[in-house]
């Protein structure tokens, strides 16, 4: 199967798409022709602004949908709402994620539920909820994993295993859903620093592990998503590291 030149007339659902990397992914898919469903949880104003921006460039090409992805009923409702907005779905990008430290000895059940819920439970149950539409379109699922799925990050003993689970989920679904649906992942390295203050010495220590000696840009992740969605028609079950070589130079 040859790759299409653009994603014209395709429909994409991007979770956690109101801000940061998710918003850049949404803009990139939209610029290539997709109509984009913008999922958000609490970033109401940012989601509305992004939808307005996208619709200003192409009328009725984007819409926002709120959902708590740790709640399976809300996930199923999200899938239903997107299905009513557009008849069909071609691309699901599971980008939404919680990220924060949980030092051993301080971990709460609520933290476990949130980190496992957003990073592993949600991608599974949302993929399942939209599976009939993706099978009908011969679509693709793209999961945003993390370099720390395979390289532990100090004081993150819940986040890392959740992303490791997402990596295995990517491979498992690729096997189970082929040949109708392709499933791949993108594993970012240092792209955007956490919104909580990270000391400069910590940032420099991270960059010393990166052969390309610089942080990446959100556009690097969005470009990988676009490649996997549009061009990589003979690729499934793979996780693309976009980390400046960090995963080979650790």
Protein backbone atom coordinates (compact mmCIF):
# COMPACT_ATOMS: atom_id res chain seq x y z
CA UNK A 1 0.00 0.00 0.00
CA UNK A 2 1.45 3.35 -1.01
CA UNK A 3 1.34 6.22 1.47
CA UNK A 4 -1.09 9.08 0.81
CA UNK A 5 0.44 12.42 -0.03
CA UNK A 6 -1.60 14.17 2.65
CA UNK A 7 -4.15 13.34 5.33
CA UNK A 8 -6.97 15.20 3.57
CA UNK A 9 -10.41 14.09 4.75
CA UNK A 10 -8.97 12.02 7.59
CA UNK A 11 -10.20 12.40 11.16
CA UNK A 12 -7.85 12.39 14.15
CA UNK A 13 -8.50 12.32 17.89
CA UNK A 14 -5.60 13.66 19.98
CA UNK A 15 -5.81 13.36 23.75
CA UNK A 16 -4.29 16.02 25.96
CA UNK A 17 -4.27 18.25 22.91
CA UNK A 18 -5.02 21.67 24.37
CA UNK A 19 -1.44 22.52 25.33
CA UNK A 20 2.25 21.70 24.96
CA UNK A 21 3.19 18.73 22.77
CA UNK A 22 -0.42 17.66 22.25
CA UNK A 23 -1.34 21.02 20.75
CA UNK A 24 1.60 20.87 18.34
CA UNK A 25 0.59 17.36 17.28
CA UNK A 26 -2.96 18.59 16.66
CA UNK A 27 -1.72 21.57 14.61
CA UNK A 28 0.59 19.35 12.56
CA UNK A 29 -2.09 16.80 11.68
CA UNK A 30 -4.53 19.61 10.92
CA UNK A 31 -2.03 21.35 8.62
CA UNK A 32 -1.74 18.11 6.66
CA UNK A 33 -5.50 17.98 6.07
CA UNK A 34 -6.97 16.23 9.12
CA UNK A 35 -10.08 17.25 10.92
CA UNK A 36 -9.02 17.11 14.57
CA UNK A 37 -10.90 16.29 17.75
CA UNK A 38 -9.13 18.11 20.59
CA UNK A 39 -9.46 16.26 23.89
CA UNK A 40 -8.75 18.10 27.14
CA UNK A 41 -9.45 17.62 30.83
CA UNK A 42 -9.05 20.95 32.61
CA UNK A 43 -7.55 23.32 30.02
CA UNK A 44 -10.88 24.70 28.81
CA UNK A 45 -9.63 28.08 27.62
CA UNK A 46 -6.58 26.65 25.84
CA UNK A 47 -8.72 24.04 24.08
CA UNK A 48 -11.21 26.67 22.94
CA UNK A 49 -8.43 28.90 21.66
CA UNK A 50 -6.84 26.07 19.70
CA UNK A 51 -10.16 25.07 18.15
CA UNK A 52 -10.80 28.68 17.16
CA UNK A 53 -7.31 28.90 15.61
CA UNK A 54 -7.76 25.72 13.57
CA UNK A 55 -11.28 26.60 12.44
CA UNK A 56 -10.09 30.05 11.36
CA UNK A 57 -7.73 28.38 8.89
CA UNK A 58 -10.29 25.77 7.74
CA UNK A 59 -13.93 26.08 8.75
CA UNK A 60 -15.52 23.35 10.86
CA UNK A 61 -12.33 21.30 11.00
CA UNK A 62 -11.81 21.06 14.76
CA UNK A 63 -13.83 20.60 17.92
CA UNK A 64 -13.03 20.26 21.62
CA UNK A 65 -14.15 17.43 23.89
CA UNK A 66 -13.69 17.32 27.67
CA UNK A 67 -13.18 14.03 29.49
CA UNK A 68 -11.50 12.57 32.55
CA UNK A 69 -9.57 9.70 31.00
CA UNK A 70 -9.16 7.89 34.31
CA UNK A 71 -12.91 7.15 34.16
CA UNK A 72 -13.88 4.39 31.73
CA UNK A 73 -17.44 5.71 31.42
CA UNK A 74 -16.05 9.12 30.43
CA UNK A 75 -13.75 7.45 27.89
CA UNK A 76 -16.68 5.67 26.29
CA UNK A 77 -18.68 8.90 26.24
CA UNK A 78 -15.75 10.68 24.56
CA UNK A 79 -15.66 8.04 21.84
CA UNK A 80 -19.40 8.42 21.32
CA UNK A 81 -19.20 12.21 21.12
CA UNK A 82 -16.37 12.16 18.59
CA UNK A 83 -18.33 9.58 16.57
CA UNK A 84 -21.30 11.94 16.47
CA UNK A 85 -19.07 14.85 15.40
CA UNK A 86 -17.55 12.93 12.49
CA UNK A 87 -18.67 9.72 10.87
CA UNK A 88 -15.50 7.69 11.32
CA UNK A 89 -12.03 7.94 12.81
CA UNK A 90 -8.67 7.36 11.14
CA UNK A 91 -6.05 8.35 13.72
CA UNK A 92 -5.96 8.08 17.50
CA UNK A 93 -3.05 9.75 19.29
CA UNK A 94 -2.88 8.77 22.96
CA UNK A 95 -0.88 11.74 24.22
CA UNK A 96 -2.55 12.71 27.53
CA UNK A 97 -0.31 12.03 30.51
CA UNK A 98 0.25 12.85 34.15
CA UNK A 99 3.87 13.26 35.21
CA UNK A 100 5.23 14.00 38.68
CA UNK A 101 7.58 12.41 41.22
CA UNK A 102 6.38 9.79 43.69
CA UNK A 103 9.36 8.95 45.93
CA UNK A 104 9.26 5.47 47.43
CA UNK A 105 7.74 5.58 50.89
CA UNK A 106 5.39 8.46 50.04
CA UNK A 107 3.27 6.95 47.24
CA UNK A 108 -0.49 7.17 47.68
CA UNK A 109 -3.18 5.08 46.08
CA UNK A 110 -4.52 8.23 44.45
CA UNK A 111 -1.16 8.91 42.79
CA UNK A 112 -1.01 5.31 41.59
CA UNK A 113 -4.53 5.51 40.15
CA UNK A 114 -3.83 8.83 38.43
CA UNK A 115 -0.46 7.92 36.89
CA UNK A 116 -1.50 4.43 35.84
CA UNK A 117 -4.88 5.76 34.75
CA UNK A 118 -3.68 8.50 32.42
CA UNK A 119 -0.61 6.72 31.08
CA UNK A 120 -1.81 3.13 30.66
CA UNK A 121 -5.49 2.57 31.47
CA UNK A 122 -6.74 5.44 29.30
CA UNK A 123 -4.85 4.46 26.12
CA UNK A 124 -6.14 0.89 26.42
CA UNK A 125 -9.77 1.71 27.03
CA UNK A 126 -9.91 4.59 24.54
CA UNK A 127 -8.30 2.41 21.86
CA UNK A 128 -10.92 -0.22 22.62
CA UNK A 129 -13.76 2.30 22.52
CA UNK A 130 -12.84 3.61 19.06
CA UNK A 131 -11.71 0.26 17.67
CA UNK A 132 -14.79 -0.33 15.46
CA UNK A 133 -14.20 3.02 13.73
CA UNK A 134 -10.48 2.38 13.30
CA UNK A 135 -11.08 -1.09 11.89
CA UNK A 136 -13.57 0.33 9.43
CA UNK A 137 -11.11 2.97 8.21
CA UNK A 138 -7.93 0.88 8.35
CA UNK A 139 -6.68 3.40 10.85
CA UNK A 140 -3.73 3.88 13.16
CA UNK A 141 -3.10 4.26 16.88
CA UNK A 142 -0.04 6.23 18.01
CA UNK A 143 0.91 6.15 21.68
CA UNK A 144 3.21 8.76 23.20
CA UNK A 145 5.51 6.70 25.39
CA UNK A 146 8.67 8.06 27.09
CA UNK A 147 12.40 7.40 27.20
CA UNK A 148 11.85 6.49 30.86
CA UNK A 149 9.75 3.49 29.87
CA UNK A 150 13.06 1.64 29.60
CA UNK A 151 15.43 3.85 31.64
CA UNK A 152 14.20 4.48 35.21
CA UNK A 153 13.93 8.07 36.41
CA UNK A 154 14.80 8.62 40.06
CA UNK A 155 11.77 9.21 42.31
CA UNK A 156 9.30 8.18 39.57
CA UNK A 157 8.58 4.51 40.42
CA UNK A 158 4.97 4.78 39.27
CA UNK A 159 5.31 6.93 36.13
CA UNK A 160 8.10 4.81 34.65
CA UNK A 161 6.28 1.47 35.00
CA UNK A 162 3.11 3.06 33.62
CA UNK A 163 4.97 4.14 30.48
CA UNK A 164 6.69 0.74 30.29
CA UNK A 165 3.23 -0.78 30.32
CA UNK A 166 2.20 1.56 27.52
CA UNK A 167 5.17 0.40 25.46
CA UNK A 168 4.10 -3.23 25.87
CA UNK A 169 0.48 -2.29 25.19
CA UNK A 170 1.63 -0.73 21.91
CA UNK A 171 3.29 -3.97 20.82
CA UNK A 172 0.45 -6.15 22.07
CA UNK A 173 -2.24 -4.18 20.26
CA UNK A 174 -0.13 -4.11 17.11
CA UNK A 175 -0.15 -7.90 17.10
CA UNK A 176 -3.81 -8.24 18.03
CA UNK A 177 -5.22 -5.59 15.69
CA UNK A 178 -3.20 -6.34 12.55
CA UNK A 179 -3.74 -6.20 9.67
CA UNK A 180 -6.69 -3.83 10.04
CA UNK A 181 -5.12 -1.29 12.42
CA UNK A 182 -1.49 -0.24 12.79
CA UNK A 183 -0.25 0.58 16.30
CA UNK A 184 3.02 2.39 16.98
CA UNK A 185 4.58 4.63 19.59
CA UNK A 186 6.77 7.69 19.83
CA UNK A 187 9.19 7.87 22.76
CA UNK A 188 10.23 11.45 23.53
CA UNK A 189 13.38 12.39 25.36
CA UNK A 190 14.03 15.90 26.67
CA UNK A 191 11.53 17.95 24.66
CA UNK A 192 9.74 20.35 27.00
CA UNK A 193 10.95 20.71 30.56
CA UNK A 194 8.34 19.95 33.26
CA UNK A 195 6.16 22.88 34.19
CA UNK A 196 7.23 22.64 37.81
CA UNK A 197 10.60 24.30 38.36
CA UNK A 198 13.48 22.02 37.43
CA UNK A 199 16.92 23.15 38.63
CA UNK A 200 19.33 24.22 35.89
CA UNK A 201 21.93 21.72 37.05
CA UNK A 202 19.39 18.92 36.58
CA UNK A 203 18.69 20.11 33.05
CA UNK A 204 22.39 20.21 32.26
CA UNK A 205 22.88 16.72 33.68
CA UNK A 206 20.15 15.43 31.39
CA UNK A 207 21.60 17.15 28.33
CA UNK A 208 24.99 15.56 29.03
CA UNK A 209 23.28 12.23 28.30
CA UNK A 210 22.10 13.44 24.87
CA UNK A 211 24.55 12.87 21.99
CA UNK A 212 22.98 15.73 20.02
CA UNK A 213 23.64 17.96 23.07
CA UNK A 214 20.38 19.88 23.03
CA UNK A 215 16.74 19.46 23.93
CA UNK A 216 14.27 18.64 21.20
CA UNK A 217 11.24 20.62 20.10
CA UNK A 218 7.56 19.64 20.19
CA UNK A 219 7.66 19.74 16.40
CA UNK A 220 10.10 16.81 16.49
CA UNK A 221 7.47 14.67 18.20
CA UNK A 222 4.69 15.94 15.96
CA UNK A 223 6.79 15.14 12.88
CA UNK A 224 7.26 11.57 14.08
CA UNK A 225 3.51 11.24 14.67
CA UNK A 226 2.81 12.55 11.18
CA UNK A 227 5.27 10.07 9.67
CA UNK A 228 3.68 7.14 11.51
CA UNK A 229 0.16 8.28 10.63
CA UNK A 230 0.70 9.12 6.97
CA UNK A 231 3.86 7.54 5.57
CA UNK A 232 4.68 4.41 7.57
CA UNK A 233 2.11 2.11 6.00
CA UNK A 234 4.32 -0.98 6.49
CA UNK A 235 5.26 -0.21 10.11
CA UNK A 236 3.45 -1.55 13.17
CA UNK A 237 4.43 -2.53 16.68
CA UNK A 238 7.37 -0.12 16.73
CA UNK A 239 8.33 2.60 19.18
CA UNK A 240 10.30 5.45 17.61
CA UNK A 241 12.77 7.14 19.95
CA UNK A 242 12.89 10.89 19.38
CA UNK A 243 15.45 11.75 22.02
CA UNK A 244 18.59 13.10 20.39
CA UNK A 245 20.26 9.72 20.81
CA UNK A 246 19.80 9.69 24.58
CA UNK A 247 18.53 6.12 24.67
CA UNK A 248 21.70 4.81 23.01
CA UNK A 249 24.13 7.03 24.88
CA UNK A 250 22.96 6.49 28.46
